[in-house]
Amino acid sequence: MPEGAATQAEITFVTEDVVACDGGEGPLGHPRVFLHLVDDEAVCPYCSRRFVRKPDAGQPAGGH
């Protein structure tokens, strides 16, 4: 990794159980993958972007 480069992966907050990641546009992108959140989190195997469930995105009203 180049000197001064960020060492922490980007975090994206989501409300869904399944998310898609393509790494962004242009040459920095990668094939689109669909990730299932496990324990309210998923990590892209290509770009290490973290998807984390929003704290207020719990179960629907009246849910168990």
PDB file of N, CA and C in Angstrom:
ATOM      1  N   MET A   1       0.853  -1.176   0.000  1.00  0.00           N
ATOM      2  CA  MET A   1       0.000   0.000   0.000  1.00  0.00           C
ATOM      3  C   MET A   1       0.893   1.231   0.000  1.00  0.00           C
ATOM      4  N   PRO A   2       0.558   2.210  -0.835  1.00  0.00           N
ATOM      5  CA  PRO A   2       1.387   3.412  -0.895  1.00  0.00           C
ATOM      6  C   PRO A   2       1.410   4.144   0.439  1.00  0.00           C
ATOM      7  N   GLU A   3       2.519   4.809   0.686  1.00  0.00           N
ATOM      8  CA  GLU A   3       2.648   5.561   1.928  1.00  0.00           C
ATOM      9  C   GLU A   3       1.579   6.645   1.994  1.00  0.00           C
ATOM     10  N   GLY A   4       0.949   6.776   3.157  1.00  0.00           N
ATOM     11  CA  GLY A   4      -0.084   7.776   3.342  1.00  0.00           C
ATOM     12  C   GLY A   4      -1.461   7.328   2.888  1.00  0.00           C
ATOM     13  N   ALA A   5      -1.569   6.119   2.317  1.00  0.00           N
ATOM     14  CA  ALA A   5      -2.874   5.633   1.873  1.00  0.00           C
ATOM     15  C   ALA A   5      -3.725   5.259   3.078  1.00  0.00           C
ATOM     16  N   ALA A   6      -5.015   5.357   2.901  1.00  0.00           N
ATOM     17  CA  ALA A   6      -5.933   5.013   3.995  1.00  0.00           C
ATOM     18  C   ALA A   6      -5.818   3.527   4.299  1.00  0.00           C
ATOM     19  N   THR A   7      -5.822   3.197   5.572  1.00  0.00           N
ATOM     20  CA  THR A   7      -5.722   1.794   5.958  1.00  0.00           C
ATOM     21  C   THR A   7      -7.067   1.252   6.410  1.00  0.00           C
ATOM     22  N   GLN A   8      -8.063   2.107   6.545  1.00  0.00           N
ATOM     23  CA  GLN A   8      -9.361   1.673   7.004  1.00  0.00           C
ATOM     24  C   GLN A   8     -10.314   1.626   5.816  1.00  0.00           C
ATOM     25  N   ALA A   9     -11.041   0.511   5.684  1.00  0.00           N
ATOM     26  CA  ALA A   9     -11.977   0.354   4.579  1.00  0.00           C
ATOM     27  C   ALA A   9     -13.176   1.274   4.760  1.00  0.00           C
ATOM     28  N   GLU A  10     -13.783   1.621   3.653  1.00  0.00           N
ATOM     29  CA  GLU A  10     -14.969   2.469   3.675  1.00  0.00           C
ATOM     30  C   GLU A  10     -16.123   1.721   4.335  1.00  0.00           C
ATOM     31  N   ILE A  11     -16.931   2.427   5.117  1.00  0.00           N
ATOM     32  CA  ILE A  11     -18.096   1.832   5.764  1.00  0.00           C
ATOM     33  C   ILE A  11     -19.347   2.445   5.150  1.00  0.00           C
ATOM     34  N   THR A  12     -20.271   1.574   4.749  1.00  0.00           N
ATOM     35  CA  THR A  12     -21.543   2.005   4.197  1.00  0.00           C
ATOM     36  C   THR A  12     -22.641   1.482   5.103  1.00  0.00           C
ATOM     37  N   PHE A  13     -23.497   2.373   5.589  1.00  0.00           N
ATOM     38  CA  PHE A  13     -24.594   1.971   6.464  1.00  0.00           C
ATOM     39  C   PHE A  13     -25.809   1.635   5.612  1.00  0.00           C
ATOM     40  N   VAL A  14     -26.444   0.495   5.912  1.00  0.00           N
ATOM     41  CA  VAL A  14     -27.553  -0.010   5.100  1.00  0.00           C
ATOM     42  C   VAL A  14     -28.726  -0.426   5.981  1.00  0.00           C
ATOM     43  N   THR A  15     -29.865  -0.633   5.343  1.00  0.00           N
ATOM     44  CA  THR A  15     -31.042  -1.133   6.054  1.00  0.00           C
ATOM     45  C   THR A  15     -31.448  -2.511   5.546  1.00  0.00           C
ATOM     46  N   GLU A  16     -30.863  -2.968   4.451  1.00  0.00           N
ATOM     47  CA  GLU A  16     -31.233  -4.227   3.820  1.00  0.00           C
ATOM     48  C   GLU A  16     -30.463  -5.406   4.415  1.00  0.00           C
ATOM     49  N   ASP A  17     -30.975  -6.619   4.163  1.00  0.00           N
ATOM     50  CA  ASP A  17     -30.289  -7.844   4.581  1.00  0.00           C
ATOM     51  C   ASP A  17     -29.274  -8.291   3.529  1.00  0.00           C
ATOM     52  N   VAL A  18     -29.494  -7.879   2.263  1.00  0.00           N
ATOM     53  CA  VAL A  18     -28.606  -8.232   1.151  1.00  0.00           C
ATOM     54  C   VAL A  18     -28.197  -6.931   0.470  1.00  0.00           C
ATOM     55  N   VAL A  19     -26.901  -6.780   0.216  1.00  0.00           N
ATOM     56  CA  VAL A  19     -26.393  -5.581  -0.440  1.00  0.00           C
ATOM     57  C   VAL A  19     -25.560  -5.972  -1.654  1.00  0.00           C
ATOM     58  N   ALA A  20     -25.408  -5.048  -2.589  1.00  0.00           N
ATOM     59  CA  ALA A  20     -24.587  -5.275  -3.771  1.00  0.00           C
ATOM     60  C   ALA A  20     -23.399  -4.321  -3.731  1.00  0.00           C
ATOM     61  N   CYS A  21     -22.245  -4.816  -4.158  1.00  0.00           N
ATOM     62  CA  CYS A  21     -21.046  -3.982  -4.226  1.00  0.00           C
ATOM     63  C   CYS A  21     -20.373  -4.212  -5.573  1.00  0.00           C
ATOM     64  N   ASP A  22     -20.008  -3.107  -6.229  1.00  0.00           N
ATOM     65  CA  ASP A  22     -19.261  -3.203  -7.483  1.00  0.00           C
ATOM     66  C   ASP A  22     -17.973  -2.391  -7.421  1.00  0.00           C
ATOM     67  N   GLY A  23     -17.633  -1.916  -6.224  1.00  0.00           N
ATOM     68  CA  GLY A  23     -16.384  -1.197  -6.027  1.00  0.00           C
ATOM     69  C   GLY A  23     -16.367   0.219  -6.550  1.00  0.00           C
ATOM     70  N   GLY A  24     -17.432   0.676  -7.143  1.00  0.00           N
ATOM     71  CA  GLY A  24     -17.459   2.028  -7.692  1.00  0.00           C
ATOM     72  C   GLY A  24     -17.288   2.014  -9.198  1.00  0.00           C
ATOM     73  N   GLU A  25     -17.271   3.191  -9.772  1.00  0.00           N
ATOM     74  CA  GLU A  25     -17.186   3.312 -11.221  1.00  0.00           C
ATOM     75  C   GLU A  25     -15.753   3.331 -11.716  1.00  0.00           C
ATOM     76  N   GLY A  26     -15.600   3.121 -12.996  1.00  0.00           N
ATOM     77  CA  GLY A  26     -14.297   3.247 -13.633  1.00  0.00           C
ATOM     78  C   GLY A  26     -13.344   2.122 -13.316  1.00  0.00           C
ATOM     79  N   PRO A  27     -12.054   2.392 -13.436  1.00  0.00           N
ATOM     80  CA  PRO A  27     -11.039   1.345 -13.281  1.00  0.00           C
ATOM     81  C   PRO A  27     -10.917   0.821 -11.854  1.00  0.00           C
ATOM     82  N   LEU A  28     -11.509   1.515 -10.878  1.00  0.00           N
ATOM     83  CA  LEU A  28     -11.430   1.042  -9.500  1.00  0.00           C
ATOM     84  C   LEU A  28     -12.535   0.051  -9.166  1.00  0.00           C
ATOM     85  N   GLY A  29     -13.457  -0.178 -10.090  1.00  0.00           N
ATOM     86  CA  GLY A  29     -14.567  -1.075  -9.841  1.00  0.00           C
ATOM     87  C   GLY A  29     -14.152  -2.546  -9.914  1.00  0.00           C
ATOM     88  N   HIS A  30     -15.110  -3.417  -9.637  1.00  0.00           N
ATOM     89  CA  HIS A  30     -14.892  -4.867  -9.713  1.00  0.00           C
ATOM     90  C   HIS A  30     -16.223  -5.511 -10.067  1.00  0.00           C
ATOM     91  N   PRO A  31     -16.252  -6.820 -10.347  1.00  0.00           N
ATOM     92  CA  PRO A  31     -17.538  -7.467 -10.660  1.00  0.00           C
ATOM     93  C   PRO A  31     -18.534  -7.263  -9.520  1.00  0.00           C
ATOM     94  N   ARG A  32     -19.794  -7.070  -9.863  1.00  0.00           N
ATOM     95  CA  ARG A  32     -20.829  -6.878  -8.834  1.00  0.00           C
ATOM     96  C   ARG A  32     -21.017  -8.177  -8.064  1.00  0.00           C
ATOM     97  N   VAL A  33     -20.997  -8.065  -6.750  1.00  0.00           N
ATOM     98  CA  VAL A  33     -21.243  -9.202  -5.874  1.00  0.00           C
ATOM     99  C   VAL A  33     -22.381  -8.828  -4.923  1.00  0.00           C
ATOM    100  N   PHE A  34     -23.147  -9.830  -4.537  1.00  0.00           N
ATOM    101  CA  PHE A  34     -24.233  -9.636  -3.582  1.00  0.00           C
ATOM    102  C   PHE A  34     -23.814 -10.260  -2.271  1.00  0.00           C
ATOM    103  N   LEU A  35     -23.943  -9.496  -1.200  1.00  0.00           N
ATOM    104  CA  LEU A  35     -23.462  -9.922   0.111  1.00  0.00           C
ATOM    105  C   LEU A  35     -24.630  -9.964   1.094  1.00  0.00           C
ATOM    106  N   HIS A  36     -24.686 -11.020   1.891  1.00  0.00           N
ATOM    107  CA  HIS A  36     -25.706 -11.167   2.928  1.00  0.00           C
ATOM    108  C   HIS A  36     -25.125 -10.691   4.247  1.00  0.00           C
ATOM    109  N   LEU A  37     -25.841  -9.816   4.930  1.00  0.00           N
ATOM    110  CA  LEU A  37     -25.376  -9.353   6.237  1.00  0.00           C
ATOM    111  C   LEU A  37     -25.481 -10.487   7.252  1.00  0.00           C
ATOM    112  N   VAL A  38     -24.416 -10.716   7.976  1.00  0.00           N
ATOM    113  CA  VAL A  38     -24.374 -11.695   9.057  1.00  0.00           C
ATOM    114  C   VAL A  38     -23.952 -10.926  10.294  1.00  0.00           C
ATOM    115  N   ASP A  39     -24.720 -11.057  11.357  1.00  0.00           N
ATOM    116  CA  ASP A  39     -24.460 -10.278  12.578  1.00  0.00           C
ATOM    117  C   ASP A  39     -24.400  -8.784  12.260  1.00  0.00           C
ATOM    118  N   ASP A  40     -25.322  -8.342  11.375  1.00  0.00           N
ATOM    119  CA  ASP A  40     -25.472  -6.932  11.010  1.00  0.00           C
ATOM    120  C   ASP A  40     -24.273  -6.346  10.267  1.00  0.00           C
ATOM    121  N   GLU A  41     -23.497  -7.194   9.580  1.00  0.00           N
ATOM    122  CA  GLU A  41     -22.318  -6.696   8.878  1.00  0.00           C
ATOM    123  C   GLU A  41     -21.938  -7.630   7.728  1.00  0.00           C
ATOM    124  N   ALA A  42     -21.360  -7.055   6.662  1.00  0.00           N
ATOM    125  CA  ALA A  42     -20.805  -7.819   5.550  1.00  0.00           C
ATOM    126  C   ALA A  42     -19.584  -7.063   5.029  1.00  0.00           C
ATOM    127  N   VAL A  43     -18.605  -7.802   4.499  1.00  0.00           N
ATOM    128  CA  VAL A  43     -17.390  -7.193   3.963  1.00  0.00           C
ATOM    129  C   VAL A  43     -17.198  -7.701   2.536  1.00  0.00           C
ATOM    130  N   CYS A  44     -16.981  -6.786   1.608  1.00  0.00           N
ATOM    131  CA  CYS A  44     -16.764  -7.155   0.209  1.00  0.00           C
ATOM    132  C   CYS A  44     -15.414  -7.863   0.063  1.00  0.00           C
ATOM    133  N   PRO A  45     -15.408  -9.037  -0.563  1.00  0.00           N
ATOM    134  CA  PRO A  45     -14.141  -9.760  -0.726  1.00  0.00           C
ATOM    135  C   PRO A  45     -13.188  -9.109  -1.730  1.00  0.00           C
ATOM    136  N   TYR A  46     -13.702  -8.211  -2.576  1.00  0.00           N
ATOM    137  CA  TYR A  46     -12.855  -7.540  -3.558  1.00  0.00           C
ATOM    138  C   TYR A  46     -12.214  -6.267  -3.023  1.00  0.00           C
ATOM    139  N   CYS A  47     -13.038  -5.383  -2.456  1.00  0.00           N
ATOM    140  CA  CYS A  47     -12.532  -4.050  -2.092  1.00  0.00           C
ATOM    141  C   CYS A  47     -12.531  -3.790  -0.582  1.00  0.00           C
ATOM    142  N   SER A  48     -12.987  -4.753   0.193  1.00  0.00           N
ATOM    143  CA  SER A  48     -13.012  -4.668   1.661  1.00  0.00           C
ATOM    144  C   SER A  48     -13.967  -3.603   2.190  1.00  0.00           C
ATOM    145  N   ARG A  49     -14.851  -3.094   1.352  1.00  0.00           N
ATOM    146  CA  ARG A  49     -15.855  -2.138   1.835  1.00  0.00           C
ATOM    147  C   ARG A  49     -16.743  -2.867   2.841  1.00  0.00           C
ATOM    148  N   ARG A  50     -16.997  -2.203   3.969  1.00  0.00           N
ATOM    149  CA  ARG A  50     -17.834  -2.793   5.016  1.00  0.00           C
ATOM    150  C   ARG A  50     -19.240  -2.244   4.910  1.00  0.00           C
ATOM    151  N   PHE A  51     -20.207  -3.134   4.992  1.00  0.00           N
ATOM    152  CA  PHE A  51     -21.610  -2.768   5.018  1.00  0.00           C
ATOM    153  C   PHE A  51     -22.123  -3.100   6.406  1.00  0.00           C
ATOM    154  N   VAL A  52     -22.657  -2.095   7.091  1.00  0.00           N
ATOM    155  CA  VAL A  52     -23.105  -2.247   8.474  1.00  0.00           C
ATOM    156  C   VAL A  52     -24.553  -1.795   8.560  1.00  0.00           C
ATOM    157  N   ARG A  53     -25.377  -2.612   9.232  1.00  0.00           N
ATOM    158  CA  ARG A  53     -26.787  -2.244   9.389  1.00  0.00           C
ATOM    159  C   ARG A  53     -26.896  -1.012  10.279  1.00  0.00           C
ATOM    160  N   LYS A  54     -27.716  -0.038   9.847  1.00  0.00           N
ATOM    161  CA  LYS A  54     -27.952   1.165  10.643  1.00  0.00           C
ATOM    162  C   LYS A  54     -28.537   0.761  11.984  1.00  0.00           C
ATOM    163  N   PRO A  55     -28.109   1.400  13.057  1.00  0.00           N
ATOM    164  CA  PRO A  55     -28.634   1.052  14.377  1.00  0.00           C
ATOM    165  C   PRO A  55     -30.150   1.169  14.470  1.00  0.00           C
ATOM    166  N   ASP A  56     -30.750   2.114  13.756  1.00  0.00           N
ATOM    167  CA  ASP A  56     -32.201   2.297  13.820  1.00  0.00           C
ATOM    168  C   ASP A  56     -32.944   1.465  12.778  1.00  0.00           C
ATOM    169  N   ALA A  57     -32.232   0.571  12.088  1.00  0.00           N
ATOM    170  CA  ALA A  57     -32.844  -0.257  11.052  1.00  0.00           C
ATOM    171  C   ALA A  57     -33.169  -1.634  11.588  1.00  0.00           C
ATOM    172  N   GLY A  58     -33.577  -1.680  12.839  1.00  0.00           N
ATOM    173  CA  GLY A  58     -33.923  -2.957  13.460  1.00  0.00           C
ATOM    174  C   GLY A  58     -35.133  -3.579  12.813  1.00  0.00           C
ATOM    175  N   GLN A  59     -35.850  -4.351  13.556  1.00  0.00           N
ATOM    176  CA  GLN A  59     -37.004  -5.039  13.045  1.00  0.00           C
ATOM    177  C   GLN A  59     -38.153  -4.061  12.825  1.00  0.00           C
ATOM    178  N   PRO A  60     -39.047  -4.388  11.897  1.00  0.00           N
ATOM    179  CA  PRO A  60     -40.183  -3.517  11.645  1.00  0.00           C
ATOM    180  C   PRO A  60     -41.053  -3.356  12.883  1.00  0.00           C
ATOM    181  N   ALA A  61     -41.803  -2.271  12.936  1.00  0.00           N
ATOM    182  CA  ALA A  61     -42.688  -2.022  14.069  1.00  0.00           C
ATOM    183  C   ALA A  61     -43.630  -3.204  14.253  1.00  0.00           C
ATOM    184  N   GLY A  62     -43.744  -3.667  15.481  1.00  0.00           N
ATOM    185  CA  GLY A  62     -44.585  -4.812  15.777  1.00  0.00           C
ATOM    186  C   GLY A  62     -43.903  -6.138  15.523  1.00  0.00           C
ATOM    187  N   GLY A  63     -42.614  -6.107  15.050  1.00  0.00           N
ATOM    188  CA  GLY A  63     -41.868  -7.337  14.767  1.00  0.00           C
ATOM    189  C   GLY A  63     -41.370  -7.976  16.031  1.00  0.00           C
ATOM    190  N   HIS A  64     -40.899  -9.178  15.918  1.00  0.00           N
ATOM    191  CA  HIS A  64     -40.361  -9.919  17.073  1.00  0.00           C
ATOM    192  C   HIS A  64     -38.863  -9.839  17.121  1.00  0.00           C
TER     193      HIS A  64
END
